[in-house]
Amino acid sequence: MLITIMKLTRLTSGAFAAAFRALWHWQQQRKAAADLHALSDYSLRDIGIARSHIDEQVRLAATRYVQPHISTGSI
C-alpha cells in the first residue's frame, strides 16, 4: 500500500512538473512573439520575417530548438 502511494505521489509530482514546463515554454513563446511584434516592419524584413508569420515562426523555432527532457527516475 505504501509503495503504491509513493508511486502515485511521484506520478502526480511528475505530471505537475510537466504541466509547469509546458506553461513556462508557452509563456516564453508568447514573450518572443511580443518582442517580435514590437519591432518595426523594416527590422522584421531585415531578419527575414513577415509580420503575419511571427506566431508561426516562433512556434516552429520552439519545436526546432527544444531541449529533450531526459528522465532519470523510474516509476
N, C-alpha and C. Protein backbone atom coordinates (compact mmCIF):
# COMPACT_ATOMS: atom_id res chain seq x y z
N MET A 1 0.82 -1.20 0.00
CA MET A 1 0.00 0.00 0.00
C MET A 1 0.86 1.26 0.00
N LEU A 2 1.88 1.29 0.84
CA LEU A 2 2.75 2.45 0.93
C LEU A 2 3.50 2.67 -0.38
N ILE A 3 3.93 1.59 -1.01
CA ILE A 3 4.64 1.71 -2.29
C ILE A 3 3.71 2.28 -3.36
N THR A 4 2.48 1.87 -3.37
CA THR A 4 1.51 2.39 -4.33
C THR A 4 1.29 3.89 -4.12
N ILE A 5 1.19 4.31 -2.87
CA ILE A 5 1.02 5.74 -2.57
C ILE A 5 2.25 6.51 -3.00
N MET A 6 3.45 5.96 -2.76
CA MET A 6 4.68 6.63 -3.16
C MET A 6 4.74 6.77 -4.68
N LYS A 7 4.35 5.72 -5.41
CA LYS A 7 4.35 5.79 -6.88
C LYS A 7 3.35 6.82 -7.37
N LEU A 8 2.17 6.86 -6.76
CA LEU A 8 1.15 7.82 -7.14
C LEU A 8 1.62 9.25 -6.87
N THR A 9 2.29 9.47 -5.74
CA THR A 9 2.82 10.79 -5.41
C THR A 9 3.87 11.20 -6.42
N ARG A 10 4.74 10.29 -6.79
CA ARG A 10 5.77 10.59 -7.77
C ARG A 10 5.15 10.89 -9.13
N LEU A 11 4.13 10.14 -9.51
CA LEU A 11 3.43 10.38 -10.77
C LEU A 11 2.76 11.74 -10.76
N THR A 12 2.13 12.09 -9.66
CA THR A 12 1.45 13.38 -9.56
C THR A 12 2.45 14.53 -9.64
N SER A 13 3.56 14.42 -8.93
CA SER A 13 4.55 15.49 -8.97
C SER A 13 5.18 15.57 -10.36
N GLY A 14 5.35 14.44 -11.03
CA GLY A 14 5.87 14.43 -12.40
C GLY A 14 4.91 15.11 -13.36
N ALA A 15 3.63 14.85 -13.18
CA ALA A 15 2.61 15.48 -14.03
C ALA A 15 2.58 16.98 -13.77
N PHE A 16 2.72 17.37 -12.51
CA PHE A 16 2.76 18.79 -12.17
C PHE A 16 3.98 19.46 -12.80
N ALA A 17 5.12 18.79 -12.73
CA ALA A 17 6.35 19.34 -13.32
C ALA A 17 6.20 19.47 -14.83
N ALA A 18 5.60 18.49 -15.47
CA ALA A 18 5.41 18.54 -16.92
C ALA A 18 4.46 19.69 -17.29
N ALA A 19 3.41 19.86 -16.51
CA ALA A 19 2.47 20.96 -16.77
C ALA A 19 3.16 22.31 -16.56
N PHE A 20 3.98 22.42 -15.52
CA PHE A 20 4.70 23.65 -15.26
C PHE A 20 5.67 23.96 -16.41
N ARG A 21 6.40 22.94 -16.90
CA ARG A 21 7.32 23.14 -18.02
C ARG A 21 6.57 23.59 -19.26
N ALA A 22 5.43 22.96 -19.53
CA ALA A 22 4.64 23.34 -20.71
C ALA A 22 4.17 24.78 -20.60
N LEU A 23 3.71 25.17 -19.42
CA LEU A 23 3.27 26.55 -19.21
C LEU A 23 4.42 27.52 -19.37
N TRP A 24 5.60 27.17 -18.84
CA TRP A 24 6.77 28.03 -18.95
C TRP A 24 7.19 28.20 -20.41
N HIS A 25 7.18 27.09 -21.17
CA HIS A 25 7.55 27.18 -22.59
C HIS A 25 6.55 28.03 -23.36
N TRP A 26 5.27 27.88 -23.06
CA TRP A 26 4.25 28.67 -23.73
C TRP A 26 4.45 30.16 -23.43
N GLN A 27 4.75 30.46 -22.16
CA GLN A 27 4.98 31.84 -21.77
C GLN A 27 6.20 32.42 -22.49
N GLN A 28 7.25 31.64 -22.64
CA GLN A 28 8.44 32.10 -23.35
C GLN A 28 8.13 32.35 -24.83
N GLN A 29 7.31 31.52 -25.43
CA GLN A 29 6.92 31.71 -26.82
C GLN A 29 6.11 33.00 -26.98
N ARG A 30 5.18 33.24 -26.05
CA ARG A 30 4.38 34.47 -26.13
C ARG A 30 5.26 35.70 -25.96
N LYS A 31 6.26 35.63 -25.09
CA LYS A 31 7.17 36.76 -24.89
C LYS A 31 7.99 36.99 -26.16
N ALA A 32 8.47 35.93 -26.78
CA ALA A 32 9.25 36.08 -28.01
C ALA A 32 8.38 36.68 -29.12
N ALA A 33 7.14 36.23 -29.23
CA ALA A 33 6.24 36.79 -30.24
C ALA A 33 5.96 38.26 -29.96
N ALA A 34 5.75 38.62 -28.71
CA ALA A 34 5.50 40.02 -28.36
C ALA A 34 6.72 40.89 -28.68
N ASP A 35 7.91 40.36 -28.40
CA ASP A 35 9.14 41.11 -28.73
C ASP A 35 9.26 41.33 -30.24
N LEU A 36 8.92 40.30 -31.02
CA LEU A 36 9.00 40.45 -32.47
C LEU A 36 7.92 41.40 -32.99
N HIS A 37 6.73 41.34 -32.41
CA HIS A 37 5.66 42.26 -32.83
C HIS A 37 6.03 43.71 -32.52
N ALA A 38 6.89 43.93 -31.55
CA ALA A 38 7.29 45.29 -31.18
C ALA A 38 8.30 45.88 -32.17
N LEU A 39 8.91 45.04 -33.00
CA LEU A 39 9.88 45.54 -33.97
C LEU A 39 9.18 46.25 -35.13
N SER A 40 9.91 47.11 -35.79
CA SER A 40 9.37 47.80 -36.96
C SER A 40 9.33 46.83 -38.15
N ASP A 41 8.54 47.19 -39.16
CA ASP A 41 8.48 46.36 -40.37
C ASP A 41 9.86 46.25 -41.03
N TYR A 42 10.61 47.34 -40.98
CA TYR A 42 11.95 47.33 -41.57
C TYR A 42 12.86 46.33 -40.85
N SER A 43 12.81 46.33 -39.53
CA SER A 43 13.64 45.41 -38.75
C SER A 43 13.23 43.96 -39.00
N LEU A 44 11.92 43.72 -39.07
CA LEU A 44 11.45 42.37 -39.35
C LEU A 44 11.90 41.92 -40.74
N ARG A 45 11.79 42.80 -41.71
CA ARG A 45 12.23 42.47 -43.06
C ARG A 45 13.73 42.18 -43.08
N ASP A 46 14.48 42.92 -42.27
CA ASP A 46 15.92 42.74 -42.20
C ASP A 46 16.30 41.35 -41.69
N ILE A 47 15.51 40.79 -40.77
CA ILE A 47 15.81 39.44 -40.27
C ILE A 47 15.03 38.36 -41.02
N GLY A 48 14.23 38.77 -41.99
CA GLY A 48 13.57 37.80 -42.86
C GLY A 48 12.27 37.23 -42.34
N ILE A 49 11.54 37.99 -41.54
CA ILE A 49 10.25 37.53 -41.01
C ILE A 49 9.17 38.53 -41.39
N ALA A 50 8.10 38.03 -41.98
CA ALA A 50 6.94 38.88 -42.27
C ALA A 50 6.10 38.99 -40.99
N ARG A 51 5.53 40.15 -40.76
CA ARG A 51 4.73 40.36 -39.54
C ARG A 51 3.60 39.33 -39.42
N SER A 52 3.03 38.95 -40.53
CA SER A 52 1.92 37.98 -40.49
C SER A 52 2.39 36.56 -40.16
N HIS A 53 3.69 36.31 -40.19
CA HIS A 53 4.22 34.97 -39.91
C HIS A 53 4.94 34.87 -38.58
N ILE A 54 4.85 35.88 -37.74
CA ILE A 54 5.59 35.88 -36.48
C ILE A 54 5.19 34.70 -35.60
N ASP A 55 3.90 34.51 -35.36
CA ASP A 55 3.46 33.43 -34.47
C ASP A 55 3.88 32.07 -35.00
N GLU A 56 3.76 31.88 -36.30
CA GLU A 56 4.16 30.61 -36.91
C GLU A 56 5.67 30.38 -36.76
N GLN A 57 6.46 31.42 -36.97
CA GLN A 57 7.92 31.28 -36.86
C GLN A 57 8.35 31.00 -35.41
N VAL A 58 7.69 31.62 -34.46
CA VAL A 58 8.00 31.36 -33.04
C VAL A 58 7.67 29.93 -32.69
N ARG A 59 6.52 29.45 -33.16
CA ARG A 59 6.12 28.06 -32.90
C ARG A 59 7.10 27.08 -33.53
N LEU A 60 7.50 27.34 -34.77
CA LEU A 60 8.46 26.47 -35.45
C LEU A 60 9.81 26.47 -34.75
N ALA A 61 10.26 27.64 -34.32
CA ALA A 61 11.54 27.73 -33.62
C ALA A 61 11.49 26.98 -32.29
N ALA A 62 10.36 27.04 -31.62
CA ALA A 62 10.22 26.35 -30.34
C ALA A 62 10.31 24.84 -30.51
N THR A 63 9.72 24.31 -31.56
CA THR A 63 9.80 22.87 -31.79
C THR A 63 11.16 22.46 -32.34
N ARG A 64 11.80 23.34 -33.08
CA ARG A 64 13.10 23.02 -33.68
C ARG A 64 14.22 23.02 -32.65
N TYR A 65 14.15 23.93 -31.70
CA TYR A 65 15.25 24.10 -30.75
C TYR A 65 14.93 23.65 -29.33
N VAL A 66 13.88 22.88 -29.17
CA VAL A 66 13.52 22.41 -27.84
C VAL A 66 14.56 21.40 -27.35
N GLN A 67 14.90 21.49 -26.07
CA GLN A 67 15.85 20.56 -25.47
C GLN A 67 15.09 19.31 -25.06
N PRO A 68 15.59 18.12 -25.41
CA PRO A 68 14.90 16.90 -24.99
C PRO A 68 14.99 16.74 -23.47
N HIS A 69 13.92 16.27 -22.88
CA HIS A 69 13.88 16.06 -21.44
C HIS A 69 14.30 14.63 -21.16
N ILE A 70 15.34 14.47 -20.39
CA ILE A 70 15.84 13.14 -20.07
C ILE A 70 15.40 12.80 -18.65
N SER A 71 14.63 11.74 -18.54
CA SER A 71 14.16 11.32 -17.24
C SER A 71 15.17 10.38 -16.60
N THR A 72 15.53 10.65 -15.37
CA THR A 72 16.50 9.78 -14.68
C THR A 72 15.84 8.86 -13.68
N GLY A 73 14.60 9.10 -13.38
CA GLY A 73 13.90 8.25 -12.40
C GLY A 73 12.92 7.33 -13.08
N SER A 74 12.57 6.28 -12.39
CA SER A 74 11.54 5.38 -12.92
C SER A 74 10.44 5.25 -11.89
N ILE A 75 9.26 4.95 -12.38
CA ILE A 75 8.11 4.84 -11.50
C ILE A 75 7.95 3.41 -11.05
